[in-house]
């Protein structure tokens, strides 16, 4: 299950774990104009863990989910300066 909310400066997606136990904490993804953050509460450290990705890194991550083991470099399909 997930939710989507548009705020003034970001789009926020919350991924809610469902199913059999043990369930994981919610994952919050915030998409800003030039980067994306991914946050999840860590029960072991009692702190929220956060990573920041560029849109290029996010694109690489999305592509990697459907590829076999190996090293890859994605080529842009649009005209970039």
PDB file of N, CA and C in Angstrom:
ATOM      1  N   UNK A   1       0.852  -1.163   0.000  1.00  0.00           N
ATOM      2  CA  UNK A   1       0.000   0.000   0.000  1.00  0.00           C
ATOM      3  C   UNK A   1       0.898   1.226   0.000  1.00  0.00           C
ATOM      4  N   UNK A   2       0.431   2.302  -0.635  1.00  0.00           N
ATOM      5  CA  UNK A   2       1.187   3.539  -0.614  1.00  0.00           C
ATOM      6  C   UNK A   2       0.249   4.734  -0.706  1.00  0.00           C
ATOM      7  N   UNK A   3       0.785   5.884  -0.286  1.00  0.00           N
ATOM      8  CA  UNK A   3       0.045   7.142  -0.401  1.00  0.00           C
ATOM      9  C   UNK A   3       0.898   8.122  -1.187  1.00  0.00           C
ATOM     10  N   UNK A   4       0.244   9.085  -1.843  1.00  0.00           N
ATOM     11  CA  UNK A   4       0.927  10.149  -2.570  1.00  0.00           C
ATOM     12  C   UNK A   4       0.315  11.469  -2.140  1.00  0.00           C
ATOM     13  N   UNK A   5       1.174  12.439  -1.819  1.00  0.00           N
ATOM     14  CA  UNK A   5       0.708  13.765  -1.434  1.00  0.00           C
ATOM     15  C   UNK A   5       1.607  14.805  -2.094  1.00  0.00           C
ATOM     16  N   UNK A   6       1.001  15.820  -2.692  1.00  0.00           N
ATOM     17  CA  UNK A   6       1.751  16.909  -3.302  1.00  0.00           C
ATOM     18  C   UNK A   6       1.768  18.083  -2.332  1.00  0.00           C
ATOM     19  N   UNK A   7       2.975  18.541  -1.986  1.00  0.00           N
ATOM     20  CA  UNK A   7       3.121  19.698  -1.112  1.00  0.00           C
ATOM     21  C   UNK A   7       3.701  20.846  -1.929  1.00  0.00           C
ATOM     22  N   UNK A   8       3.953  21.960  -1.267  1.00  0.00           N
ATOM     23  CA  UNK A   8       4.455  23.139  -1.960  1.00  0.00           C
ATOM     24  C   UNK A   8       5.762  22.873  -2.693  1.00  0.00           C
ATOM     25  N   UNK A   9       6.701  22.199  -2.048  1.00  0.00           N
ATOM     26  CA  UNK A   9       8.027  22.029  -2.636  1.00  0.00           C
ATOM     27  C   UNK A   9       8.408  20.586  -2.981  1.00  0.00           C
ATOM     28  N   UNK A  10       7.510  19.640  -2.749  1.00  0.00           N
ATOM     29  CA  UNK A  10       7.871  18.244  -3.009  1.00  0.00           C
ATOM     30  C   UNK A  10       6.627  17.388  -3.206  1.00  0.00           C
ATOM     31  N   UNK A  11       6.852  16.236  -3.816  1.00  0.00           N
ATOM     32  CA  UNK A  11       5.839  15.185  -3.853  1.00  0.00           C
ATOM     33  C   UNK A  11       6.295  14.124  -2.860  1.00  0.00           C
ATOM     34  N   UNK A  12       5.390  13.698  -1.984  1.00  0.00           N
ATOM     35  CA  UNK A  12       5.740  12.727  -0.950  1.00  0.00           C
ATOM     36  C   UNK A  12       4.987  11.429  -1.182  1.00  0.00           C
ATOM     37  N   UNK A  13       5.738  10.342  -1.222  1.00  0.00           N
ATOM     38  CA  UNK A  13       5.183   9.001  -1.361  1.00  0.00           C
ATOM     39  C   UNK A  13       5.548   8.224  -0.106  1.00  0.00           C
ATOM     40  N   UNK A  14       4.555   7.577   0.493  1.00  0.00           N
ATOM     41  CA  UNK A  14       4.809   6.750   1.673  1.00  0.00           C
ATOM     42  C   UNK A  14       4.460   5.313   1.318  1.00  0.00           C
ATOM     43  N   UNK A  15       5.449   4.425   1.463  1.00  0.00           N
ATOM     44  CA  UNK A  15       5.249   2.997   1.222  1.00  0.00           C
ATOM     45  C   UNK A  15       4.958   2.331   2.557  1.00  0.00           C
ATOM     46  N   UNK A  16       3.831   1.663   2.658  1.00  0.00           N
ATOM     47  CA  UNK A  16       3.383   1.045   3.900  1.00  0.00           C
ATOM     48  C   UNK A  16       3.476  -0.464   3.729  1.00  0.00           C
ATOM     49  N   UNK A  17       4.253  -1.098   4.595  1.00  0.00           N
ATOM     50  CA  UNK A  17       4.450  -2.545   4.512  1.00  0.00           C
ATOM     51  C   UNK A  17       3.165  -3.253   4.917  1.00  0.00           C
ATOM     52  N   UNK A  18       2.784  -4.244   4.138  1.00  0.00           N
ATOM     53  CA  UNK A  18       1.600  -5.037   4.433  1.00  0.00           C
ATOM     54  C   UNK A  18       1.967  -6.518   4.370  1.00  0.00           C
ATOM     55  N   UNK A  19       1.144  -7.333   4.934  1.00  0.00           N
ATOM     56  CA  UNK A  19       1.364  -8.765   4.826  1.00  0.00           C
ATOM     57  C   UNK A  19       1.710  -9.397   6.145  1.00  0.00           C
ATOM     58  N   UNK A  20       2.458 -10.480   6.043  1.00  0.00           N
ATOM     59  CA  UNK A  20       2.772 -11.243   7.242  1.00  0.00           C
ATOM     60  C   UNK A  20       3.869 -10.565   8.057  1.00  0.00           C
ATOM     61  N   UNK A  21       3.894 -10.868   9.333  1.00  0.00           N
ATOM     62  CA  UNK A  21       4.891 -10.313  10.250  1.00  0.00           C
ATOM     63  C   UNK A  21       6.234 -10.953   9.995  1.00  0.00           C
ATOM     64  N   UNK A  22       7.337 -10.341  10.283  1.00  0.00           N
ATOM     65  CA  UNK A  22       7.429  -8.991  10.841  1.00  0.00           C
ATOM     66  C   UNK A  22       7.329  -7.936   9.742  1.00  0.00           C
ATOM     67  N   UNK A  23       6.626  -6.870  10.036  1.00  0.00           N
ATOM     68  CA  UNK A  23       6.471  -5.777   9.085  1.00  0.00           C
ATOM     69  C   UNK A  23       7.591  -4.767   9.282  1.00  0.00           C
ATOM     70  N   UNK A  24       7.969  -4.114   8.215  1.00  0.00           N
ATOM     71  CA  UNK A  24       9.005  -3.096   8.265  1.00  0.00           C
ATOM     72  C   UNK A  24       8.365  -1.721   8.438  1.00  0.00           C
ATOM     73  N   UNK A  25       9.147  -0.767   8.928  1.00  0.00           N
ATOM     74  CA  UNK A  25       8.665   0.606   9.088  1.00  0.00           C
ATOM     75  C   UNK A  25       8.331   1.205   7.726  1.00  0.00           C
ATOM     76  N   UNK A  26       7.442   2.213   7.728  1.00  0.00           N
ATOM     77  CA  UNK A  26       7.084   2.908   6.496  1.00  0.00           C
ATOM     78  C   UNK A  26       8.326   3.531   5.865  1.00  0.00           C
ATOM     79  N   UNK A  27       8.322   3.615   4.545  1.00  0.00           N
ATOM     80  CA  UNK A  27       9.375   4.292   3.793  1.00  0.00           C
ATOM     81  C   UNK A  27       8.766   5.552   3.191  1.00  0.00           C
ATOM     82  N   UNK A  28       9.401   6.703   3.437  1.00  0.00           N
ATOM     83  CA  UNK A  28       8.921   7.967   2.905  1.00  0.00           C
ATOM     84  C   UNK A  28       9.894   8.453   1.830  1.00  0.00           C
ATOM     85  N   UNK A  29       9.356   8.720   0.647  1.00  0.00           N
ATOM     86  CA  UNK A  29      10.141   9.209  -0.478  1.00  0.00           C
ATOM     87  C   UNK A  29       9.649  10.605  -0.806  1.00  0.00           C
ATOM     88  N   UNK A  30      10.574  11.572  -0.790  1.00  0.00           N
ATOM     89  CA  UNK A  30      10.224  12.952  -1.126  1.00  0.00           C
ATOM     90  C   UNK A  30      10.965  13.347  -2.391  1.00  0.00           C
ATOM     91  N   UNK A  31      10.204  13.774  -3.382  1.00  0.00           N
ATOM     92  CA  UNK A  31      10.755  14.160  -4.677  1.00  0.00           C
ATOM     93  C   UNK A  31      10.748  15.681  -4.782  1.00  0.00           C
ATOM     94  N   UNK A  32      11.945  16.276  -4.829  1.00  0.00           N
ATOM     95  CA  UNK A  32      12.105  17.719  -4.977  1.00  0.00           C
ATOM     96  C   UNK A  32      12.489  18.020  -6.423  1.00  0.00           C
ATOM     97  N   UNK A  33      12.726  19.266  -6.747  1.00  0.00           N
ATOM     98  CA  UNK A  33      13.015  19.629  -8.136  1.00  0.00           C
ATOM     99  C   UNK A  33      14.330  19.055  -8.646  1.00  0.00           C
ATOM    100  N   UNK A  34      15.323  18.851  -7.769  1.00  0.00           N
ATOM    101  CA  UNK A  34      16.623  18.383  -8.249  1.00  0.00           C
ATOM    102  C   UNK A  34      17.183  17.177  -7.505  1.00  0.00           C
ATOM    103  N   UNK A  35      16.440  16.603  -6.575  1.00  0.00           N
ATOM    104  CA  UNK A  35      16.900  15.411  -5.858  1.00  0.00           C
ATOM    105  C   UNK A  35      15.722  14.704  -5.202  1.00  0.00           C
ATOM    106  N   UNK A  36      15.992  13.482  -4.710  1.00  0.00           N
ATOM    107  CA  UNK A  36      14.982  12.654  -4.058  1.00  0.00           C
ATOM    108  C   UNK A  36      15.560  12.169  -2.735  1.00  0.00           C
ATOM    109  N   UNK A  37      14.757  12.182  -1.679  1.00  0.00           N
ATOM    110  CA  UNK A  37      15.198  11.611  -0.405  1.00  0.00           C
ATOM    111  C   UNK A  37      14.361  10.384  -0.087  1.00  0.00           C
ATOM    112  N   UNK A  38      15.000   9.411   0.572  1.00  0.00           N
ATOM    113  CA  UNK A  38      14.331   8.189   1.018  1.00  0.00           C
ATOM    114  C   UNK A  38      14.609   8.062   2.510  1.00  0.00           C
ATOM    115  N   UNK A  39      13.545   7.959   3.323  1.00  0.00           N
ATOM    116  CA  UNK A  39      13.693   7.889   4.777  1.00  0.00           C
ATOM    117  C   UNK A  39      12.951   6.682   5.332  1.00  0.00           C
ATOM    118  N   UNK A  40      13.534   6.095   6.370  1.00  0.00           N
ATOM    119  CA  UNK A  40      12.876   4.999   7.086  1.00  0.00           C
ATOM    120  C   UNK A  40      13.394   4.996   8.521  1.00  0.00           C
ATOM    121  N   UNK A  41      12.487   4.794   9.465  1.00  0.00           N
ATOM    122  CA  UNK A  41      12.878   4.708  10.868  1.00  0.00           C
ATOM    123  C   UNK A  41      13.584   3.387  11.107  1.00  0.00           C
ATOM    124  N   UNK A  42      14.716   3.451  11.821  1.00  0.00           N
ATOM    125  CA  UNK A  42      15.508   2.264  12.136  1.00  0.00           C
ATOM    126  C   UNK A  42      15.306   1.916  13.607  1.00  0.00           C
ATOM    127  N   UNK A  43      14.650   0.790  13.870  1.00  0.00           N
ATOM    128  CA  UNK A  43      14.378   0.380  15.254  1.00  0.00           C
ATOM    129  C   UNK A  43      15.650   0.089  16.044  1.00  0.00           C
ATOM    130  N   UNK A  44      16.699  -0.344  15.367  1.00  0.00           N
ATOM    131  CA  UNK A  44      17.942  -0.690  16.062  1.00  0.00           C
ATOM    132  C   UNK A  44      18.646   0.543  16.625  1.00  0.00           C
ATOM    133  N   UNK A  45      18.628   1.639  15.883  1.00  0.00           N
ATOM    134  CA  UNK A  45      19.302   2.857  16.337  1.00  0.00           C
ATOM    135  C   UNK A  45      18.334   3.887  16.912  1.00  0.00           C
ATOM    136  N   UNK A  46      17.040   3.630  16.826  1.00  0.00           N
ATOM    137  CA  UNK A  46      16.014   4.590  17.251  1.00  0.00           C
ATOM    138  C   UNK A  46      16.159   5.934  16.552  1.00  0.00           C
ATOM    139  N   UNK A  47      16.563   5.896  15.292  1.00  0.00           N
ATOM    140  CA  UNK A  47      16.722   7.111  14.498  1.00  0.00           C
ATOM    141  C   UNK A  47      16.161   6.901  13.103  1.00  0.00           C
ATOM    142  N   UNK A  48      15.766   8.004  12.489  1.00  0.00           N
ATOM    143  CA  UNK A  48      15.333   7.952  11.100  1.00  0.00           C
ATOM    144  C   UNK A  48      16.577   7.980  10.221  1.00  0.00           C
ATOM    145  N   UNK A  49      16.673   7.038   9.290  1.00  0.00           N
ATOM    146  CA  UNK A  49      17.784   6.961   8.350  1.00  0.00           C
ATOM    147  C   UNK A  49      17.350   7.621   7.043  1.00  0.00           C
ATOM    148  N   UNK A  50      18.235   8.422   6.463  1.00  0.00           N
ATOM    149  CA  UNK A  50      17.881   9.172   5.258  1.00  0.00           C
ATOM    150  C   UNK A  50      19.014   9.099   4.245  1.00  0.00           C
ATOM    151  N   UNK A  51      18.635   8.864   2.984  1.00  0.00           N
ATOM    152  CA  UNK A  51      19.591   8.947   1.890  1.00  0.00           C
ATOM    153  C   UNK A  51      19.060   9.936   0.857  1.00  0.00           C
ATOM    154  N   UNK A  52      19.968  10.564   0.138  1.00  0.00           N
ATOM    155  CA  UNK A  52      19.612  11.522  -0.908  1.00  0.00           C
ATOM    156  C   UNK A  52      20.159  11.012  -2.231  1.00  0.00           C
ATOM    157  N   UNK A  53      19.306  11.000  -3.252  1.00  0.00           N
ATOM    158  CA  UNK A  53      19.683  10.526  -4.582  1.00  0.00           C
ATOM    159  C   UNK A  53      19.457  11.628  -5.607  1.00  0.00           C
ATOM    160  N   UNK A  54      20.356  11.711  -6.586  1.00  0.00           N
ATOM    161  CA  UNK A  54      20.089  12.574  -7.739  1.00  0.00           C
ATOM    162  C   UNK A  54      19.065  11.844  -8.617  1.00  0.00           C
ATOM    163  N   UNK A  55      18.483  12.555  -9.567  1.00  0.00           N
ATOM    164  CA  UNK A  55      17.538  11.892 -10.463  1.00  0.00           C
ATOM    165  C   UNK A  55      18.246  10.867 -11.352  1.00  0.00           C
ATOM    166  N   UNK A  56      19.520  11.080 -11.657  1.00  0.00           N
ATOM    167  CA  UNK A  56      20.291  10.103 -12.425  1.00  0.00           C
ATOM    168  C   UNK A  56      20.450   8.817 -11.616  1.00  0.00           C
ATOM    169  N   UNK A  57      20.775   8.957 -10.327  1.00  0.00           N
ATOM    170  CA  UNK A  57      20.898   7.772  -9.475  1.00  0.00           C
ATOM    171  C   UNK A  57      19.562   7.049  -9.355  1.00  0.00           C
ATOM    172  N   UNK A  58      18.479   7.798  -9.246  1.00  0.00           N
ATOM    173  CA  UNK A  58      17.149   7.192  -9.144  1.00  0.00           C
ATOM    174  C   UNK A  58      16.802   6.445 -10.432  1.00  0.00           C
ATOM    175  N   UNK A  59      17.162   7.033 -11.565  1.00  0.00           N
ATOM    176  CA  UNK A  59      16.929   6.376 -12.851  1.00  0.00           C
ATOM    177  C   UNK A  59      17.723   5.078 -12.947  1.00  0.00           C
ATOM    178  N   UNK A  60      18.984   5.120 -12.508  1.00  0.00           N
ATOM    179  CA  UNK A  60      19.808   3.915 -12.505  1.00  0.00           C
ATOM    180  C   UNK A  60      19.225   2.843 -11.582  1.00  0.00           C
ATOM    181  N   UNK A  61      18.742   3.256 -10.423  1.00  0.00           N
ATOM    182  CA  UNK A  61      18.136   2.313  -9.483  1.00  0.00           C
ATOM    183  C   UNK A  61      16.918   1.643 -10.107  1.00  0.00           C
ATOM    184  N   UNK A  62      16.047   2.431 -10.718  1.00  0.00           N
ATOM    185  CA  UNK A  62      14.845   1.868 -11.338  1.00  0.00           C
ATOM    186  C   UNK A  62      15.215   0.863 -12.427  1.00  0.00           C
ATOM    187  N   UNK A  63      16.207   1.197 -13.245  1.00  0.00           N
ATOM    188  CA  UNK A  63      16.629   0.289 -14.317  1.00  0.00           C
ATOM    189  C   UNK A  63      17.254  -0.980 -13.753  1.00  0.00           C
ATOM    190  N   UNK A  64      17.981  -0.847 -12.664  1.00  0.00           N
ATOM    191  CA  UNK A  64      18.701  -2.002 -12.116  1.00  0.00           C
ATOM    192  C   UNK A  64      17.785  -3.075 -11.556  1.00  0.00           C
ATOM    193  N   UNK A  65      16.564  -2.723 -11.236  1.00  0.00           N
ATOM    194  CA  UNK A  65      15.644  -3.686 -10.632  1.00  0.00           C
ATOM    195  C   UNK A  65      15.284  -4.827 -11.576  1.00  0.00           C
ATOM    196  N   UNK A  66      15.458  -4.611 -12.882  1.00  0.00           N
ATOM    197  CA  UNK A  66      15.077  -5.638 -13.859  1.00  0.00           C
ATOM    198  C   UNK A  66      16.256  -6.172 -14.666  1.00  0.00           C
ATOM    199  N   UNK A  67      17.476  -5.978 -14.167  1.00  0.00           N
ATOM    200  CA  UNK A  67      18.647  -6.427 -14.908  1.00  0.00           C
ATOM    201  C   UNK A  67      19.386  -7.527 -14.144  1.00  0.00           C
ATOM    202  N   UNK A  68      20.068  -8.418 -14.871  1.00  0.00           N
ATOM    203  CA  UNK A  68      20.864  -9.446 -14.199  1.00  0.00           C
ATOM    204  C   UNK A  68      22.155  -8.850 -13.641  1.00  0.00           C
ATOM    205  N   UNK A  69      22.885  -9.646 -12.896  1.00  0.00           N
ATOM    206  CA  UNK A  69      24.152  -9.235 -12.306  1.00  0.00           C
ATOM    207  C   UNK A  69      25.101  -8.697 -13.373  1.00  0.00           C
ATOM    208  N   UNK A  70      25.829  -7.621 -13.063  1.00  0.00           N
ATOM    209  CA  UNK A  70      26.781  -7.052 -14.012  1.00  0.00           C
ATOM    210  C   UNK A  70      26.989  -5.578 -13.745  1.00  0.00           C
ATOM    211  N   UNK A  71      27.762  -4.927 -14.582  1.00  0.00           N
ATOM    212  CA  UNK A  71      28.008  -3.482 -14.496  1.00  0.00           C
ATOM    213  C   UNK A  71      27.382  -2.818 -15.716  1.00  0.00           C
ATOM    214  N   UNK A  72      26.699  -1.724 -15.498  1.00  0.00           N
ATOM    215  CA  UNK A  72      25.947  -1.067 -16.566  1.00  0.00           C
ATOM    216  C   UNK A  72      26.146   0.439 -16.506  1.00  0.00           C
ATOM    217  N   UNK A  73      26.008   1.088 -17.667  1.00  0.00           N
ATOM    218  CA  UNK A  73      25.963   2.538 -17.740  1.00  0.00           C
ATOM    219  C   UNK A  73      24.842   2.879 -18.703  1.00  0.00           C
ATOM    220  N   UNK A  74      23.798   3.535 -18.196  1.00  0.00           N
ATOM    221  CA  UNK A  74      22.655   3.868 -19.026  1.00  0.00           C
ATOM    222  C   UNK A  74      23.005   5.052 -19.928  1.00  0.00           C
ATOM    223  N   UNK A  75      22.543   4.994 -21.159  1.00  0.00           N
ATOM    224  CA  UNK A  75      22.740   6.084 -22.108  1.00  0.00           C
ATOM    225  C   UNK A  75      21.466   6.905 -22.172  1.00  0.00           C
ATOM    226  N   UNK A  76      21.608   8.210 -22.191  1.00  0.00           N
ATOM    227  CA  UNK A  76      20.467   9.107 -22.274  1.00  0.00           C
ATOM    228  C   UNK A  76      19.841   9.009 -23.659  1.00  0.00           C
ATOM    229  N   UNK A  77      18.512   9.070 -23.716  1.00  0.00           N
ATOM    230  CA  UNK A  77      17.816   9.020 -25.000  1.00  0.00           C
ATOM    231  C   UNK A  77      17.347  10.394 -25.438  1.00  0.00           C
ATOM    232  N   UNK A  78      17.650  11.422 -24.648  1.00  0.00           N
ATOM    233  CA  UNK A  78      17.247  12.785 -25.007  1.00  0.00           C
ATOM    234  C   UNK A  78      18.497  13.608 -25.285  1.00  0.00           C
ATOM    235  N   UNK A  79      18.322  14.733 -25.945  1.00  0.00           N
ATOM    236  CA  UNK A  79      19.458  15.604 -26.244  1.00  0.00           C
ATOM    237  C   UNK A  79      19.851  16.380 -25.008  1.00  0.00           C
ATOM    238  N   UNK A  80      21.074  16.122 -24.529  1.00  0.00           N
ATOM    239  CA  UNK A  80      21.600  16.838 -23.375  1.00  0.00           C
ATOM    240  C   UNK A  80      22.832  17.616 -23.816  1.00  0.00           C
ATOM    241  N   UNK A  81      23.022  18.825 -23.303  1.00  0.00           N
ATOM    242  CA  UNK A  81      24.183  19.630 -23.709  1.00  0.00           C
ATOM    243  C   UNK A  81      25.489  19.000 -23.262  1.00  0.00           C
TER     244      UNK A  81
END
